[in-house]
């Protein structure tokens, strides 16, 4: 009789009438790839144009919990030494004291404090952004592009895009406001992968 009951139970499981226990996947830590990461910010220049610049990635980690996305986190460091406006003279100008003051504040950092899943692979990622020695809360509007095995590296990988906006004057970078716009638009694209054994540093 016991064997018969087990067979019935197994049949119901196979038919989907009794839900199986969910698989509890552990959070996975991904190291962001500087070669496939762009942190672009753009501004309006006296109403005539909308230039962009790239804050190159120094190091970054995404911890993503696929079963419980709200437990995920992001931690990124962007060295101003990698700032690229595509105009060398402007690179140097933005590093001067009345803009980023890169000699005194060489790093831009972002560390998440909350991840809010919105459905359809979309998330609001709230975190502390530090620029010019000033820290304010910023919300990134992120979308998960893909997660899985990378066809080239064969490593478990992840990719996101994100957008945000902020006022640079709130971070003490107010030169030429309002003629050069106070509002800055940020667009991010990034890939990360699980470091291979022996290459975790």
C-alpha atoms as a PDB file:
ATOM      1  CA  UNK A   1       0.000   0.000   0.000  1.00  0.00           C
ATOM      2  CA  UNK A   2       2.851   2.395   0.906  1.00  0.00           C
ATOM      3  CA  UNK A   3       4.476   1.759  -2.487  1.00  0.00           C
ATOM      4  CA  UNK A   4       1.183   2.455  -4.223  1.00  0.00           C
ATOM      5  CA  UNK A   5       0.797   5.796  -2.372  1.00  0.00           C
ATOM      6  CA  UNK A   6       4.331   6.790  -3.320  1.00  0.00           C
ATOM      7  CA  UNK A   7       3.582   6.039  -6.970  1.00  0.00           C
ATOM      8  CA  UNK A   8       0.436   8.189  -6.846  1.00  0.00           C
ATOM      9  CA  UNK A   9       2.385  11.045  -5.190  1.00  0.00           C
ATOM     10  CA  UNK A  10       5.116  10.806  -7.815  1.00  0.00           C
ATOM     11  CA  UNK A  11       2.519  10.867 -10.578  1.00  0.00           C
ATOM     12  CA  UNK A  12       0.866  13.964  -9.149  1.00  0.00           C
ATOM     13  CA  UNK A  13       4.243  15.689  -8.881  1.00  0.00           C
ATOM     14  CA  UNK A  14       5.017  14.842 -12.502  1.00  0.00           C
ATOM     15  CA  UNK A  15       1.645  16.171 -13.589  1.00  0.00           C
ATOM     16  CA  UNK A  16       2.283  19.427 -11.769  1.00  0.00           C
ATOM     17  CA  UNK A  17      -0.708  19.005  -9.452  1.00  0.00           C
ATOM     18  CA  UNK A  18       1.515  19.183  -6.375  1.00  0.00           C
ATOM     19  CA  UNK A  19       4.129  21.957  -6.592  1.00  0.00           C
ATOM     20  CA  UNK A  20       7.720  20.913  -6.172  1.00  0.00           C
ATOM     21  CA  UNK A  21       9.845  22.646  -3.563  1.00  0.00           C
ATOM     22  CA  UNK A  22      11.575  25.690  -5.110  1.00  0.00           C
ATOM     23  CA  UNK A  23      15.311  25.490  -5.680  1.00  0.00           C
ATOM     24  CA  UNK A  24      17.120  27.884  -3.355  1.00  0.00           C
ATOM     25  CA  UNK A  25      19.975  29.280  -5.441  1.00  0.00           C
ATOM     26  CA  UNK A  26      22.701  31.082  -3.525  1.00  0.00           C
ATOM     27  CA  UNK A  27      23.628  34.664  -4.448  1.00  0.00           C
ATOM     28  CA  UNK A  28      26.310  34.793  -7.151  1.00  0.00           C
ATOM     29  CA  UNK A  29      29.134  37.357  -7.158  1.00  0.00           C
ATOM     30  CA  UNK A  30      30.118  38.768 -10.562  1.00  0.00           C
ATOM     31  CA  UNK A  31      33.227  40.822 -11.235  1.00  0.00           C
ATOM     32  CA  UNK A  32      32.490  43.635 -13.682  1.00  0.00           C
ATOM     33  CA  UNK A  33      34.565  43.749 -16.858  1.00  0.00           C
ATOM     34  CA  UNK A  34      36.155  47.179 -17.563  1.00  0.00           C
ATOM     35  CA  UNK A  35      36.378  46.291 -21.266  1.00  0.00           C
ATOM     36  CA  UNK A  36      32.614  45.829 -21.493  1.00  0.00           C
ATOM     37  CA  UNK A  37      31.506  48.566 -19.103  1.00  0.00           C
ATOM     38  CA  UNK A  38      30.679  52.173 -19.948  1.00  0.00           C
ATOM     39  CA  UNK A  39      29.455  54.767 -17.464  1.00  0.00           C
ATOM     40  CA  UNK A  40      28.442  57.636 -19.728  1.00  0.00           C
ATOM     41  CA  UNK A  41      27.324  61.014 -18.444  1.00  0.00           C
ATOM     42  CA  UNK A  42      26.059  63.826 -20.625  1.00  0.00           C
ATOM     43  CA  UNK A  43      25.237  67.505 -20.188  1.00  0.00           C
ATOM     44  CA  UNK A  44      23.922  70.448 -22.182  1.00  0.00           C
ATOM     45  CA  UNK A  45      26.581  72.925 -23.369  1.00  0.00           C
ATOM     46  CA  UNK A  46      25.163  76.489 -23.564  1.00  0.00           C
ATOM     47  CA  UNK A  47      22.122  75.072 -25.364  1.00  0.00           C
ATOM     48  CA  UNK A  48      24.160  74.234 -28.454  1.00  0.00           C
ATOM     49  CA  UNK A  49      25.139  70.590 -27.905  1.00  0.00           C
ATOM     50  CA  UNK A  50      24.916  67.640 -25.543  1.00  0.00           C
ATOM     51  CA  UNK A  51      28.415  66.194 -25.054  1.00  0.00           C
ATOM     52  CA  UNK A  52      29.130  62.910 -23.289  1.00  0.00           C
ATOM     53  CA  UNK A  53      32.020  61.481 -21.318  1.00  0.00           C
ATOM     54  CA  UNK A  54      32.898  58.024 -20.047  1.00  0.00           C
ATOM     55  CA  UNK A  55      33.941  57.306 -16.474  1.00  0.00           C
ATOM     56  CA  UNK A  56      36.082  54.207 -16.900  1.00  0.00           C
ATOM     57  CA  UNK A  57      35.566  51.363 -14.470  1.00  0.00           C
ATOM     58  CA  UNK A  58      38.233  50.730 -11.875  1.00  0.00           C
ATOM     59  CA  UNK A  59      36.635  47.770 -10.156  1.00  0.00           C
ATOM     60  CA  UNK A  60      33.109  46.640  -9.536  1.00  0.00           C
ATOM     61  CA  UNK A  61      31.073  43.768  -8.167  1.00  0.00           C
ATOM     62  CA  UNK A  62      27.454  42.757  -8.627  1.00  0.00           C
ATOM     63  CA  UNK A  63      26.054  40.181  -6.224  1.00  0.00           C
ATOM     64  CA  UNK A  64      22.880  38.892  -7.844  1.00  0.00           C
ATOM     65  CA  UNK A  65      20.382  36.610  -6.120  1.00  0.00           C
ATOM     66  CA  UNK A  66      18.181  35.226  -8.880  1.00  0.00           C
ATOM     67  CA  UNK A  67      15.677  33.703  -6.447  1.00  0.00           C
ATOM     68  CA  UNK A  68      15.510  36.799  -4.228  1.00  0.00           C
ATOM     69  CA  UNK A  69      16.641  39.821  -6.306  1.00  0.00           C
ATOM     70  CA  UNK A  70      15.984  42.246  -3.456  1.00  0.00           C
ATOM     71  CA  UNK A  71      18.993  40.710  -1.696  1.00  0.00           C
ATOM     72  CA  UNK A  72      21.302  41.714  -4.552  1.00  0.00           C
ATOM     73  CA  UNK A  73      23.904  44.476  -4.353  1.00  0.00           C
ATOM     74  CA  UNK A  74      26.291  46.630  -6.401  1.00  0.00           C
ATOM     75  CA  UNK A  75      29.649  48.140  -5.430  1.00  0.00           C
ATOM     76  CA  UNK A  76      31.607  50.148  -8.020  1.00  0.00           C
ATOM     77  CA  UNK A  77      34.723  52.352  -8.069  1.00  0.00           C
ATOM     78  CA  UNK A  78      35.390  54.737 -10.971  1.00  0.00           C
ATOM     79  CA  UNK A  79      38.830  56.418 -11.024  1.00  0.00           C
ATOM     80  CA  UNK A  80      38.839  59.878 -12.550  1.00  0.00           C
ATOM     81  CA  UNK A  81      42.198  59.014 -14.107  1.00  0.00           C
ATOM     82  CA  UNK A  82      40.152  57.057 -16.666  1.00  0.00           C
ATOM     83  CA  UNK A  83      37.781  59.932 -17.472  1.00  0.00           C
ATOM     84  CA  UNK A  84      37.392  60.152 -21.259  1.00  0.00           C
ATOM     85  CA  UNK A  85      35.481  62.990 -22.934  1.00  0.00           C
ATOM     86  CA  UNK A  86      37.024  62.102 -26.327  1.00  0.00           C
ATOM     87  CA  UNK A  87      38.709  65.549 -26.204  1.00  0.00           C
ATOM     88  CA  UNK A  88      42.049  65.440 -24.323  1.00  0.00           C
ATOM     89  CA  UNK A  89      41.942  69.135 -23.368  1.00  0.00           C
ATOM     90  CA  UNK A  90      38.468  68.705 -21.902  1.00  0.00           C
ATOM     91  CA  UNK A  91      39.596  65.616 -19.981  1.00  0.00           C
ATOM     92  CA  UNK A  92      42.161  67.777 -18.228  1.00  0.00           C
ATOM     93  CA  UNK A  93      39.736  70.669 -17.717  1.00  0.00           C
ATOM     94  CA  UNK A  94      37.152  68.523 -15.958  1.00  0.00           C
ATOM     95  CA  UNK A  95      39.801  67.231 -13.563  1.00  0.00           C
ATOM     96  CA  UNK A  96      40.639  70.743 -12.361  1.00  0.00           C
ATOM     97  CA  UNK A  97      39.634  72.156  -8.985  1.00  0.00           C
ATOM     98  CA  UNK A  98      36.427  73.931 -10.077  1.00  0.00           C
ATOM     99  CA  UNK A  99      35.037  70.721 -11.556  1.00  0.00           C
ATOM    100  CA  UNK A 100      35.919  67.223 -10.236  1.00  0.00           C
ATOM    101  CA  UNK A 101      39.160  68.289  -8.482  1.00  0.00           C
ATOM    102  CA  UNK A 102      40.622  64.888  -9.310  1.00  0.00           C
ATOM    103  CA  UNK A 103      43.881  65.536  -7.447  1.00  0.00           C
ATOM    104  CA  UNK A 104      41.954  65.822  -4.173  1.00  0.00           C
ATOM    105  CA  UNK A 105      39.040  63.468  -4.967  1.00  0.00           C
ATOM    106  CA  UNK A 106      40.404  60.849  -7.388  1.00  0.00           C
ATOM    107  CA  UNK A 107      37.522  58.377  -7.130  1.00  0.00           C
ATOM    108  CA  UNK A 108      33.808  58.259  -7.863  1.00  0.00           C
ATOM    109  CA  UNK A 109      32.063  55.453  -5.992  1.00  0.00           C
ATOM    110  CA  UNK A 110      28.610  53.886  -5.890  1.00  0.00           C
ATOM    111  CA  UNK A 111      27.444  51.413  -3.258  1.00  0.00           C
ATOM    112  CA  UNK A 112      23.874  50.129  -3.312  1.00  0.00           C
ATOM    113  CA  UNK A 113      21.664  50.230  -0.237  1.00  0.00           C
ATOM    114  CA  UNK A 114      18.475  48.750  -1.719  1.00  0.00           C
ATOM    115  CA  UNK A 115      17.423  46.770  -4.788  1.00  0.00           C
ATOM    116  CA  UNK A 116      13.722  46.883  -5.667  1.00  0.00           C
ATOM    117  CA  UNK A 117      12.504  44.343  -8.250  1.00  0.00           C
ATOM    118  CA  UNK A 118       9.859  45.831 -10.569  1.00  0.00           C
ATOM    119  CA  UNK A 119       9.119  42.765 -12.695  1.00  0.00           C
ATOM    120  CA  UNK A 120      10.051  42.015 -16.319  1.00  0.00           C
ATOM    121  CA  UNK A 121      13.786  42.049 -15.384  1.00  0.00           C
ATOM    122  CA  UNK A 122      13.599  45.689 -14.273  1.00  0.00           C
ATOM    123  CA  UNK A 123      14.928  47.042 -10.975  1.00  0.00           C
ATOM    124  CA  UNK A 124      15.365  50.263  -9.055  1.00  0.00           C
ATOM    125  CA  UNK A 125      18.797  50.229  -7.452  1.00  0.00           C
ATOM    126  CA  UNK A 126      19.140  52.840  -4.712  1.00  0.00           C
ATOM    127  CA  UNK A 127      22.609  53.629  -3.491  1.00  0.00           C
ATOM    128  CA  UNK A 128      25.120  56.133  -2.188  1.00  0.00           C
ATOM    129  CA  UNK A 129      27.005  57.974  -4.922  1.00  0.00           C
ATOM    130  CA  UNK A 130      30.144  59.824  -3.849  1.00  0.00           C
ATOM    131  CA  UNK A 131      31.530  62.506  -6.174  1.00  0.00           C
ATOM    132  CA  UNK A 132      33.905  65.346  -5.259  1.00  0.00           C
ATOM    133  CA  UNK A 133      33.904  64.121  -1.654  1.00  0.00           C
ATOM    134  CA  UNK A 134      30.114  64.526  -1.370  1.00  0.00           C
ATOM    135  CA  UNK A 135      27.711  61.615  -0.952  1.00  0.00           C
ATOM    136  CA  UNK A 136      24.064  61.632  -2.013  1.00  0.00           C
ATOM    137  CA  UNK A 137      21.453  58.967  -2.640  1.00  0.00           C
ATOM    138  CA  UNK A 138      20.860  58.168  -6.319  1.00  0.00           C
ATOM    139  CA  UNK A 139      18.440  55.710  -7.937  1.00  0.00           C
ATOM    140  CA  UNK A 140      19.569  53.677 -10.944  1.00  0.00           C
ATOM    141  CA  UNK A 141      16.795  52.378 -13.199  1.00  0.00           C
ATOM    142  CA  UNK A 142      18.280  49.043 -14.268  1.00  0.00           C
ATOM    143  CA  UNK A 143      17.306  46.250 -16.621  1.00  0.00           C
ATOM    144  CA  UNK A 144      18.791  42.769 -16.690  1.00  0.00           C
ATOM    145  CA  UNK A 145      19.937  42.106 -20.253  1.00  0.00           C
ATOM    146  CA  UNK A 146      21.048  38.504 -19.886  1.00  0.00           C
ATOM    147  CA  UNK A 147      22.316  35.968 -17.392  1.00  0.00           C
ATOM    148  CA  UNK A 148      23.954  32.660 -18.253  1.00  0.00           C
ATOM    149  CA  UNK A 149      27.028  30.994 -19.686  1.00  0.00           C
ATOM    150  CA  UNK A 150      29.082  33.334 -21.900  1.00  0.00           C
ATOM    151  CA  UNK A 151      29.658  31.700 -25.325  1.00  0.00           C
ATOM    152  CA  UNK A 152      33.244  32.974 -25.576  1.00  0.00           C
ATOM    153  CA  UNK A 153      34.631  32.816 -22.038  1.00  0.00           C
ATOM    154  CA  UNK A 154      32.471  29.859 -20.912  1.00  0.00           C
ATOM    155  CA  UNK A 155      32.064  31.689 -17.583  1.00  0.00           C
ATOM    156  CA  UNK A 156      28.790  32.335 -15.792  1.00  0.00           C
ATOM    157  CA  UNK A 157      28.022  35.929 -16.806  1.00  0.00           C
ATOM    158  CA  UNK A 158      25.523  38.733 -16.353  1.00  0.00           C
ATOM    159  CA  UNK A 159      24.747  42.002 -18.147  1.00  0.00           C
ATOM    160  CA  UNK A 160      22.786  45.099 -17.169  1.00  0.00           C
ATOM    161  CA  UNK A 161      21.895  48.516 -18.555  1.00  0.00           C
ATOM    162  CA  UNK A 162      20.919  51.388 -16.254  1.00  0.00           C
ATOM    163  CA  UNK A 163      19.997  55.072 -16.363  1.00  0.00           C
ATOM    164  CA  UNK A 164      19.873  57.867 -13.802  1.00  0.00           C
ATOM    165  CA  UNK A 165      19.886  61.638 -13.498  1.00  0.00           C
ATOM    166  CA  UNK A 166      21.314  64.012 -10.900  1.00  0.00           C
ATOM    167  CA  UNK A 167      22.208  67.635 -10.272  1.00  0.00           C
ATOM    168  CA  UNK A 168      25.963  68.160 -10.240  1.00  0.00           C
ATOM    169  CA  UNK A 169      25.673  71.250  -8.037  1.00  0.00           C
ATOM    170  CA  UNK A 170      24.492  68.983  -5.205  1.00  0.00           C
ATOM    171  CA  UNK A 171      27.943  67.368  -5.309  1.00  0.00           C
ATOM    172  CA  UNK A 172      29.782  70.702  -5.273  1.00  0.00           C
ATOM    173  CA  UNK A 173      30.493  70.688  -9.023  1.00  0.00           C
ATOM    174  CA  UNK A 174      28.661  73.838 -10.073  1.00  0.00           C
ATOM    175  CA  UNK A 175      30.980  75.647 -12.505  1.00  0.00           C
ATOM    176  CA  UNK A 176      29.102  77.494 -15.301  1.00  0.00           C
ATOM    177  CA  UNK A 177      25.620  76.527 -14.048  1.00  0.00           C
ATOM    178  CA  UNK A 178      23.092  77.249 -15.555  1.00  0.00           C
ATOM    179  CA  UNK A 179      24.764  77.902 -18.921  1.00  0.00           C
ATOM    180  CA  UNK A 180      26.289  74.431 -18.774  1.00  0.00           C
ATOM    181  CA  UNK A 181      23.453  72.331 -17.453  1.00  0.00           C
ATOM    182  CA  UNK A 182      23.190  71.429 -13.793  1.00  0.00           C
ATOM    183  CA  UNK A 183      21.280  68.245 -14.641  1.00  0.00           C
ATOM    184  CA  UNK A 184      23.447  65.344 -15.694  1.00  0.00           C
ATOM    185  CA  UNK A 185      22.091  62.265 -17.478  1.00  0.00           C
ATOM    186  CA  UNK A 186      23.806  58.943 -16.783  1.00  0.00           C
ATOM    187  CA  UNK A 187      23.664  55.825 -18.955  1.00  0.00           C
ATOM    188  CA  UNK A 188      25.420  52.622 -17.957  1.00  0.00           C
ATOM    189  CA  UNK A 189      26.022  49.326 -19.721  1.00  0.00           C
ATOM    190  CA  UNK A 190      28.037  46.570 -18.093  1.00  0.00           C
ATOM    191  CA  UNK A 191      28.965  42.902 -18.185  1.00  0.00           C
ATOM    192  CA  UNK A 192      30.334  40.794 -15.378  1.00  0.00           C
ATOM    193  CA  UNK A 193      31.386  37.208 -14.864  1.00  0.00           C
ATOM    194  CA  UNK A 194      32.173  34.793 -12.064  1.00  0.00           C
ATOM    195  CA  UNK A 195      35.953  34.784 -11.559  1.00  0.00           C
ATOM    196  CA  UNK A 196      37.607  31.493 -12.365  1.00  0.00           C
ATOM    197  CA  UNK A 197      39.329  29.552  -9.608  1.00  0.00           C
ATOM    198  CA  UNK A 198      42.789  30.950  -8.984  1.00  0.00           C
ATOM    199  CA  UNK A 199      41.771  34.313 -10.510  1.00  0.00           C
ATOM    200  CA  UNK A 200      39.468  35.656  -7.822  1.00  0.00           C
ATOM    201  CA  UNK A 201      41.539  38.772  -7.047  1.00  0.00           C
END
